PDB file of N, CA and C in Angstrom:
ATOM      1  N   MET A   1    -126.284 -74.520 170.675  1.00  0.00           N
ATOM      2  CA  MET A   1    -126.545 -75.940 171.573  1.00  0.00           C
ATOM      3  C   MET A   1    -127.988 -75.808 171.753  1.00  0.00           C
ATOM      4  N   VAL A   2    -128.665 -76.780 171.189  1.00  0.00           N
ATOM      5  CA  VAL A   2    -130.036 -76.948 171.253  1.00  0.00           C
ATOM      6  C   VAL A   2    -130.365 -77.264 172.843  1.00  0.00           C
ATOM      7  N   GLU A   3    -131.515 -76.485 173.385  1.00  0.00           N
ATOM      8  CA  GLU A   3    -131.995 -76.782 174.592  1.00  0.00           C
ATOM      9  C   GLU A   3    -132.955 -78.206 174.735  1.00  0.00           C
ATOM     10  N   GLU A   4    -132.833 -78.765 175.890  1.00  0.00           N
ATOM     11  CA  GLU A   4    -133.285 -80.091 175.790  1.00  0.00           C
ATOM     12  C   GLU A   4    -133.731 -80.362 177.203  1.00  0.00           C
ATOM     13  N   ILE A   5    -134.913 -80.912 177.391  1.00  0.00           N
ATOM     14  CA  ILE A   5    -135.391 -81.557 178.818  1.00  0.00           C
ATOM     15  C   ILE A   5    -135.023 -82.823 178.750  1.00  0.00           C
ATOM     16  N   MET A   6    -134.265 -83.346 179.838  1.00  0.00           N
ATOM     17  CA  MET A   6    -133.882 -84.512 179.929  1.00  0.00           C
ATOM     18  C   MET A   6    -134.596 -85.352 180.901  1.00  0.00           C
ATOM     19  N   VAL A   7    -135.194 -86.530 180.541  1.00  0.00           N
ATOM     20  CA  VAL A   7    -135.906 -87.407 181.466  1.00  0.00           C
ATOM     21  C   VAL A   7    -135.158 -88.576 181.728  1.00  0.00           C
ATOM     22  N   PHE A   8    -135.006 -89.052 182.948  1.00  0.00           N
ATOM     23  CA  PHE A   8    -134.153 -90.228 183.217  1.00  0.00           C
ATOM     24  C   PHE A   8    -135.113 -90.964 184.129  1.00  0.00           C
ATOM     25  N   GLY A   9    -135.058 -92.247 183.582  1.00  0.00           N
ATOM     26  CA  GLY A   9    -135.986 -93.333 184.213  1.00  0.00           C
ATOM     27  C   GLY A   9    -135.389 -94.748 183.857  1.00  0.00           C
ATOM     28  N   PRO A  10    -135.968 -95.753 184.430  1.00  0.00           N
ATOM     29  CA  PRO A  10    -135.672 -97.133 183.936  1.00  0.00           C
ATOM     30  C   PRO A  10    -136.190 -97.537 182.641  1.00  0.00           C
ATOM     31  N   GLU A  11    -135.464 -98.523 181.998  1.00  0.00           N
ATOM     32  CA  GLU A  11    -136.219 -99.330 180.805  1.00  0.00           C
ATOM     33  C   GLU A  11    -136.577-100.455 181.147  1.00  0.00           C
ATOM     34  N   PRO A  12    -137.567-101.341 181.073  1.00  0.00           N
ATOM     35  CA  PRO A  12    -138.879-100.496 180.473  1.00  0.00           C
ATOM     36  C   PRO A  12    -139.283 -99.439 181.834  1.00  0.00           C
ATOM     37  N   ALA A  13    -139.772 -98.377 181.335  1.00  0.00           N
ATOM     38  CA  ALA A  13    -140.361 -97.364 182.084  1.00  0.00           C
ATOM     39  C   ALA A  13    -141.384 -97.668 183.274  1.00  0.00           C
ATOM     40  N   CYS A  14    -141.185 -97.279 184.383  1.00  0.00           N
ATOM     41  CA  CYS A  14    -142.368 -97.308 185.267  1.00  0.00           C
ATOM     42  C   CYS A  14    -143.451 -96.550 185.132  1.00  0.00           C
ATOM     43  N   VAL A  15    -144.577 -96.562 185.903  1.00  0.00           N
ATOM     44  CA  VAL A  15    -145.866 -95.569 185.769  1.00  0.00           C
ATOM     45  C   VAL A  15    -145.167 -94.312 186.172  1.00  0.00           C
ATOM     46  N   LYS A  16    -144.531 -94.052 186.963  1.00  0.00           N
ATOM     47  CA  LYS A  16    -144.293 -92.418 187.410  1.00  0.00           C
ATOM     48  C   LYS A  16    -143.286 -91.875 186.013  1.00  0.00           C
ATOM     49  N   CYS A  17    -142.535 -92.656 185.712  1.00  0.00           N
ATOM     50  CA  CYS A  17    -141.489 -92.225 184.724  1.00  0.00           C
ATOM     51  C   CYS A  17    -142.245 -92.104 183.295  1.00  0.00           C
ATOM     52  N   LYS A  18    -143.289 -92.895 183.017  1.00  0.00           N
ATOM     53  CA  LYS A  18    -143.920 -92.639 181.912  1.00  0.00           C
ATOM     54  C   LYS A  18    -144.929 -91.447 181.874  1.00  0.00           C
ATOM     55  N   LYS A  19    -145.321 -91.103 183.157  1.00  0.00           N
ATOM     56  CA  LYS A  19    -146.241 -89.757 183.301  1.00  0.00           C
ATOM     57  C   LYS A  19    -145.182 -88.632 183.323  1.00  0.00           C
ATOM     58  N   THR A  20    -144.140 -88.764 183.669  1.00  0.00           N
ATOM     59  CA  THR A  20    -142.973 -87.839 183.845  1.00  0.00           C
ATOM     60  C   THR A  20    -142.368 -87.352 182.323  1.00  0.00           C
ATOM     61  N   THR A  21    -142.707 -88.415 181.694  1.00  0.00           N
ATOM     62  CA  THR A  21    -141.968 -88.253 180.156  1.00  0.00           C
ATOM     63  C   THR A  21    -143.109 -87.688 179.364  1.00  0.00           C
ATOM     64  N   GLU A  22    -144.381 -87.889 179.788  1.00  0.00           N
ATOM     65  CA  GLU A  22    -145.664 -87.231 178.947  1.00  0.00           C
ATOM     66  C   GLU A  22    -145.649 -85.663 179.409  1.00  0.00           C
ATOM     67  N   VAL A  23    -145.361 -85.394 180.721  1.00  0.00           N
ATOM     68  CA  VAL A  23    -145.355 -83.993 181.098  1.00  0.00           C
ATOM     69  C   VAL A  23    -144.250 -83.218 180.371  1.00  0.00           C
ATOM     70  N   ALA A  24    -143.165 -83.893 180.310  1.00  0.00           N
ATOM     71  CA  ALA A  24    -142.022 -83.187 179.840  1.00  0.00           C
ATOM     72  C   ALA A  24    -142.160 -82.992 178.179  1.00  0.00           C
ATOM     73  N   GLN A  25    -142.924 -83.863 177.643  1.00  0.00           N
ATOM     74  CA  GLN A  25    -143.073 -83.923 176.179  1.00  0.00           C
ATOM     75  C   GLN A  25    -144.088 -82.524 175.988  1.00  0.00           C
ATOM     76  N   GLN A  26    -144.907 -82.607 176.891  1.00  0.00           N
ATOM     77  CA  GLN A  26    -145.904 -81.336 176.641  1.00  0.00           C
ATOM     78  C   GLN A  26    -145.453 -80.021 176.899  1.00  0.00           C
ATOM     79  N   VAL A  27    -144.481 -79.853 177.870  1.00  0.00           N
ATOM     80  CA  VAL A  27    -143.831 -78.689 178.015  1.00  0.00           C
ATOM     81  C   VAL A  27    -142.939 -78.398 176.929  1.00  0.00           C
ATOM     82  N   ALA A  28    -142.085 -79.389 176.647  1.00  0.00           N
ATOM     83  CA  ALA A  28    -141.211 -78.944 175.593  1.00  0.00           C
ATOM     84  C   ALA A  28    -141.890 -78.562 174.373  1.00  0.00           C
ATOM     85  N   GLY A  29    -142.909 -79.182 174.068  1.00  0.00           N
ATOM     86  CA  GLY A  29    -143.606 -79.067 172.787  1.00  0.00           C
ATOM     87  C   GLY A  29    -144.124 -77.414 172.998  1.00  0.00           C
ATOM     88  N   MET A  30    -144.632 -77.078 173.831  1.00  0.00           N
ATOM     89  CA  MET A  30    -145.201 -75.785 174.342  1.00  0.00           C
ATOM     90  C   MET A  30    -144.210 -74.733 174.072  1.00  0.00           C
ATOM     91  N   LEU A  31    -142.843 -75.002 174.638  1.00  0.00           N
ATOM     92  CA  LEU A  31    -141.711 -74.064 174.681  1.00  0.00           C
ATOM     93  C   LEU A  31    -140.995 -74.109 173.467  1.00  0.00           C
ATOM     94  N   GLY A  32    -141.194 -75.013 172.568  1.00  0.00           N
ATOM     95  CA  GLY A  32    -140.306 -75.097 171.419  1.00  0.00           C
ATOM     96  C   GLY A  32    -139.008 -75.788 171.518  1.00  0.00           C
ATOM     97  N   ILE A  33    -138.778 -76.599 172.385  1.00  0.00           N
ATOM     98  CA  ILE A  33    -137.521 -77.115 172.636  1.00  0.00           C
ATOM     99  C   ILE A  33    -137.654 -78.659 172.339  1.00  0.00           C
ATOM    100  N   ASN A  34    -136.526 -79.368 172.678  1.00  0.00           N
ATOM    101  CA  ASN A  34    -136.351 -80.806 172.508  1.00  0.00           C
ATOM    102  C   ASN A  34    -136.566 -81.495 173.758  1.00  0.00           C
ATOM    103  N   MET A  35    -137.085 -82.751 174.017  1.00  0.00           N
ATOM    104  CA  MET A  35    -137.169 -83.499 175.124  1.00  0.00           C
ATOM    105  C   MET A  35    -136.432 -85.058 174.698  1.00  0.00           C
ATOM    106  N   ALA A  36    -135.659 -85.499 175.682  1.00  0.00           N
ATOM    107  CA  ALA A  36    -135.136 -86.784 175.336  1.00  0.00           C
ATOM    108  C   ALA A  36    -135.132 -87.582 176.687  1.00  0.00           C
ATOM    109  N   LYS A  37    -135.478 -89.131 176.519  1.00  0.00           N
ATOM    110  CA  LYS A  37    -135.390 -89.744 177.578  1.00  0.00           C
ATOM    111  C   LYS A  37    -134.138 -90.594 177.644  1.00  0.00           C
ATOM    112  N   TYR A  38    -133.622 -90.822 178.943  1.00  0.00           N
ATOM    113  CA  TYR A  38    -132.340 -91.464 179.256  1.00  0.00           C
ATOM    114  C   TYR A  38    -132.551 -92.630 180.243  1.00  0.00           C
ATOM    115  N   ASP A  39    -131.810 -93.624 180.004  1.00  0.00           N
ATOM    116  CA  ASP A  39    -131.867 -94.629 181.230  1.00  0.00           C
ATOM    117  C   ASP A  39    -131.250 -94.153 182.433  1.00  0.00           C
ATOM    118  N   VAL A  40    -131.817 -94.280 183.392  1.00  0.00           N
ATOM    119  CA  VAL A  40    -131.226 -93.857 184.841  1.00  0.00           C
ATOM    120  C   VAL A  40    -129.949 -94.564 185.280  1.00  0.00           C
ATOM    121  N   LEU A  41    -129.632 -95.661 184.456  1.00  0.00           N
ATOM    122  CA  LEU A  41    -128.270 -96.276 184.846  1.00  0.00           C
ATOM    123  C   LEU A  41    -127.282 -96.086 183.791  1.00  0.00           C
ATOM    124  N   SER A  42    -127.549 -94.944 183.153  1.00  0.00           N
ATOM    125  CA  SER A  42    -126.695 -94.583 181.932  1.00  0.00           C
ATOM    126  C   SER A  42    -125.419 -93.763 182.414  1.00  0.00           C
ATOM    127  N   GLU A  43    -124.470 -93.606 181.738  1.00  0.00           N
ATOM    128  CA  GLU A  43    -123.016 -92.521 182.112  1.00  0.00           C
ATOM    129  C   GLU A  43    -123.879 -91.010 182.041  1.00  0.00           C
ATOM    130  N   GLU A  44    -124.878 -90.958 181.334  1.00  0.00           N
ATOM    131  CA  GLU A  44    -125.466 -89.435 181.430  1.00  0.00           C
ATOM    132  C   GLU A  44    -125.976 -89.183 182.941  1.00  0.00           C
ATOM    133  N   ALA A  45    -126.747 -90.235 183.327  1.00  0.00           N
ATOM    134  CA  ALA A  45    -127.459 -90.099 184.543  1.00  0.00           C
ATOM    135  C   ALA A  45    -126.432 -89.871 185.687  1.00  0.00           C
ATOM    136  N   ASP A  46    -125.113 -90.624 185.528  1.00  0.00           N
ATOM    137  CA  ASP A  46    -124.106 -90.460 186.558  1.00  0.00           C
ATOM    138  C   ASP A  46    -123.464 -89.039 186.467  1.00  0.00           C
ATOM    139  N   LYS A  47    -123.374 -88.642 185.412  1.00  0.00           N
ATOM    140  CA  LYS A  47    -122.976 -87.179 185.281  1.00  0.00           C
ATOM    141  C   LYS A  47    -123.527 -86.125 186.063  1.00  0.00           C
ATOM    142  N   TYR A  48    -124.852 -86.387 185.959  1.00  0.00           N
ATOM    143  CA  TYR A  48    -125.897 -85.322 186.883  1.00  0.00           C
ATOM    144  C   TYR A  48    -126.071 -86.013 188.191  1.00  0.00           C
ATOM    145  N   GLY A  49    -125.434 -86.987 188.949  1.00  0.00           N
ATOM    146  CA  GLY A  49    -125.741 -87.455 190.105  1.00  0.00           C
ATOM    147  C   GLY A  49    -126.871 -87.988 190.556  1.00  0.00           C
ATOM    148  N   ILE A  50    -127.615 -88.559 189.392  1.00  0.00           N
ATOM    149  CA  ILE A  50    -128.944 -88.932 189.509  1.00  0.00           C
ATOM    150  C   ILE A  50    -129.283 -90.135 190.502  1.00  0.00           C
ATOM    151  N   MET A  51    -129.851 -90.126 191.677  1.00  0.00           N
ATOM    152  CA  MET A  51    -130.085 -91.242 192.435  1.00  0.00           C
ATOM    153  C   MET A  51    -131.491 -91.819 192.355  1.00  0.00           C
ATOM    154  N   LEU A  52    -132.402 -91.066 192.093  1.00  0.00           N
ATOM    155  CA  LEU A  52    -133.876 -91.427 192.344  1.00  0.00           C
ATOM    156  C   LEU A  52    -134.470 -91.068 190.834  1.00  0.00           C
ATOM    157  N   SER A  53    -135.355 -91.929 190.422  1.00  0.00           N
ATOM    158  CA  SER A  53    -136.009 -91.653 189.114  1.00  0.00           C
ATOM    159  C   SER A  53    -137.702 -91.624 189.510  1.00  0.00           C
ATOM    160  N   PRO A  54    -138.339 -90.932 188.820  1.00  0.00           N
ATOM    161  CA  PRO A  54    -137.883 -90.032 187.416  1.00  0.00           C
ATOM    162  C   PRO A  54    -137.205 -88.995 188.130  1.00  0.00           C
ATOM    163  N   ALA A  55    -136.530 -88.475 186.933  1.00  0.00           N
ATOM    164  CA  ALA A  55    -135.538 -87.172 187.195  1.00  0.00           C
ATOM    165  C   ALA A  55    -135.652 -86.328 186.178  1.00  0.00           C
ATOM    166  N   VAL A  56    -135.645 -85.078 186.075  1.00  0.00           N
ATOM    167  CA  VAL A  56    -135.571 -84.123 185.011  1.00  0.00           C
ATOM    168  C   VAL A  56    -134.511 -83.354 185.300  1.00  0.00           C
ATOM    169  N   VAL A  57    -133.832 -82.934 184.001  1.00  0.00           N
ATOM    170  CA  VAL A  57    -132.680 -82.247 183.962  1.00  0.00           C
ATOM    171  C   VAL A  57    -132.718 -81.270 182.897  1.00  0.00           C
ATOM    172  N   PHE A  58    -132.422 -79.849 183.264  1.00  0.00           N
ATOM    173  CA  PHE A  58    -132.623 -78.941 182.066  1.00  0.00           C
ATOM    174  C   PHE A  58    -131.379 -78.034 182.109  1.00  0.00           C
ATOM    175  N   LYS A  59    -130.738 -77.700 181.351  1.00  0.00           N
ATOM    176  CA  LYS A  59    -129.416 -76.820 181.293  1.00  0.00           C
ATOM    177  C   LYS A  59    -128.406 -77.271 182.359  1.00  0.00           C
ATOM    178  N   GLY A  60    -128.335 -78.575 182.650  1.00  0.00           N
ATOM    179  CA  GLY A  60    -127.331 -79.280 183.614  1.00  0.00           C
ATOM    180  C   GLY A  60    -127.834 -79.202 184.821  1.00  0.00           C
ATOM    181  N   GLU A  61    -128.914 -78.732 185.194  1.00  0.00           N
ATOM    182  CA  GLU A  61    -129.506 -78.850 186.518  1.00  0.00           C
ATOM    183  C   GLU A  61    -130.679 -79.836 186.983  1.00  0.00           C
ATOM    184  N   VAL A  62    -130.599 -80.366 187.831  1.00  0.00           N
ATOM    185  CA  VAL A  62    -131.743 -81.398 188.182  1.00  0.00           C
ATOM    186  C   VAL A  62    -132.828 -80.773 188.896  1.00  0.00           C
ATOM    187  N   LEU A  63    -134.008 -80.611 188.046  1.00  0.00           N
ATOM    188  CA  LEU A  63    -135.033 -80.048 188.383  1.00  0.00           C
ATOM    189  C   LEU A  63    -136.136 -80.751 189.168  1.00  0.00           C
ATOM    190  N   VAL A  64    -136.152 -82.079 189.006  1.00  0.00           N
ATOM    191  CA  VAL A  64    -136.989 -83.005 189.682  1.00  0.00           C
ATOM    192  C   VAL A  64    -136.313 -84.290 190.003  1.00  0.00           C
ATOM    193  N   SER A  65    -136.405 -85.047 190.910  1.00  0.00           N
ATOM    194  CA  SER A  65    -135.897 -86.162 191.163  1.00  0.00           C
ATOM    195  C   SER A  65    -136.676 -86.719 192.330  1.00  0.00           C
ATOM    196  N   GLY A  66    -137.199 -87.973 191.918  1.00  0.00           N
ATOM    197  CA  GLY A  66    -138.126 -89.087 192.536  1.00  0.00           C
ATOM    198  C   GLY A  66    -139.617 -88.880 192.532  1.00  0.00           C
ATOM    199  N   LYS A  67    -139.937 -87.844 191.954  1.00  0.00           N
ATOM    200  CA  LYS A  67    -141.539 -87.584 191.728  1.00  0.00           C
ATOM    201  C   LYS A  67    -141.818 -87.129 190.532  1.00  0.00           C
ATOM    202  N   VAL A  68    -143.294 -87.059 190.296  1.00  0.00           N
ATOM    203  CA  VAL A  68    -143.654 -86.874 188.794  1.00  0.00           C
ATOM    204  C   VAL A  68    -144.177 -85.228 188.970  1.00  0.00           C
ATOM    205  N   PRO A  69    -143.458 -84.426 188.318  1.00  0.00           N
ATOM    206  CA  PRO A  69    -143.735 -83.109 188.276  1.00  0.00           C
ATOM    207  C   PRO A  69    -145.152 -82.730 187.732  1.00  0.00           C
ATOM    208  N   THR A  70    -145.713 -81.642 188.004  1.00  0.00           N
ATOM    209  CA  THR A  70    -147.109 -81.238 187.249  1.00  0.00           C
ATOM    210  C   THR A  70    -146.629 -80.538 186.179  1.00  0.00           C
ATOM    211  N   PHE A  71    -147.564 -80.308 185.159  1.00  0.00           N
ATOM    212  CA  PHE A  71    -147.079 -79.646 183.887  1.00  0.00           C
ATOM    213  C   PHE A  71    -146.992 -78.304 184.151  1.00  0.00           C
ATOM    214  N   ASP A  72    -147.630 -77.501 185.145  1.00  0.00           N
ATOM    215  CA  ASP A  72    -147.286 -76.201 185.425  1.00  0.00           C
ATOM    216  C   ASP A  72    -146.009 -75.807 186.199  1.00  0.00           C
ATOM    217  N   SER A  73    -145.744 -76.977 187.177  1.00  0.00           N
ATOM    218  CA  SER A  73    -144.452 -76.716 187.946  1.00  0.00           C
ATOM    219  C   SER A  73    -143.225 -76.819 187.122  1.00  0.00           C
ATOM    220  N   LEU A  74    -143.307 -77.901 186.241  1.00  0.00           N
ATOM    221  CA  LEU A  74    -142.226 -78.255 185.119  1.00  0.00           C
ATOM    222  C   LEU A  74    -141.906 -76.844 184.442  1.00  0.00           C
ATOM    223  N   LYS A  75    -143.224 -76.577 183.570  1.00  0.00           N
ATOM    224  CA  LYS A  75    -143.050 -75.430 182.822  1.00  0.00           C
ATOM    225  C   LYS A  75    -142.517 -74.157 183.406  1.00  0.00           C
ATOM    226  N   GLU A  76    -142.836 -73.873 184.727  1.00  0.00           N
ATOM    227  CA  GLU A  76    -142.337 -72.693 185.237  1.00  0.00           C
ATOM    228  C   GLU A  76    -140.819 -72.946 185.438  1.00  0.00           C
ATOM    229  N   MET A  77    -140.355 -74.060 186.083  1.00  0.00           N
ATOM    230  CA  MET A  77    -138.875 -74.227 186.148  1.00  0.00           C
ATOM    231  C   MET A  77    -138.098 -74.168 184.972  1.00  0.00           C
ATOM    232  N   VAL A  78    -138.472 -74.895 184.045  1.00  0.00           N
ATOM    233  CA  VAL A  78    -137.835 -74.660 182.716  1.00  0.00           C
ATOM    234  C   VAL A  78    -137.816 -73.218 182.172  1.00  0.00           C
ATOM    235  N   GLU A  79    -139.039 -72.515 182.183  1.00  0.00           N
ATOM    236  CA  GLU A  79    -139.059 -71.229 181.808  1.00  0.00           C
ATOM    237  C   GLU A  79    -138.055 -70.258 182.489  1.00  0.00           C
ATOM    238  N   LYS A  80    -138.123 -70.457 183.823  1.00  0.00           N
ATOM    239  CA  LYS A  80    -137.009 -69.684 184.632  1.00  0.00           C
ATOM    240  C   LYS A  80    -135.640 -69.805 184.034  1.00  0.00           C
ATOM    241  N   ARG A  81    -135.177 -71.045 183.434  1.00  0.00           N
ATOM    242  CA  ARG A  81    -133.775 -71.161 183.106  1.00  0.00           C
ATOM    243  C   ARG A  81    -133.626 -70.919 181.664  1.00  0.00           C
ATOM    244  N   MET A  82    -134.619 -70.452 180.933  1.00  0.00           N
ATOM    245  CA  MET A  82    -134.459 -70.409 179.514  1.00  0.00           C
ATOM    246  C   MET A  82    -133.859 -68.960 179.371  1.00  0.00           C
TER     247      MET A  82
END
C-alpha cells in the first residue's frame, strides 16, 4: 500500500485549504510519499469523520482539522507515523 497524505477541503478551495495543500505537497515531496486532495463533502471525508476543513489524514489518522499546519509540524507528525 502506497503511503499518502490526504488533504480534505471544499472545491473550490478556500485560502486555508490551498495553503494546507501546498504544505502537504512539500512534506510529501520531501518524504517521498504521495499527496492527494479530497472534497470535504466526499464519502472519503465521512469515513474519517471530518467536520472541519482543512483537514489532513495520514495512515487513517486525522492529524490536523480546522487549521493550516506549518511545514515543520506536519512533517514531524507524518514522520512519527511512518
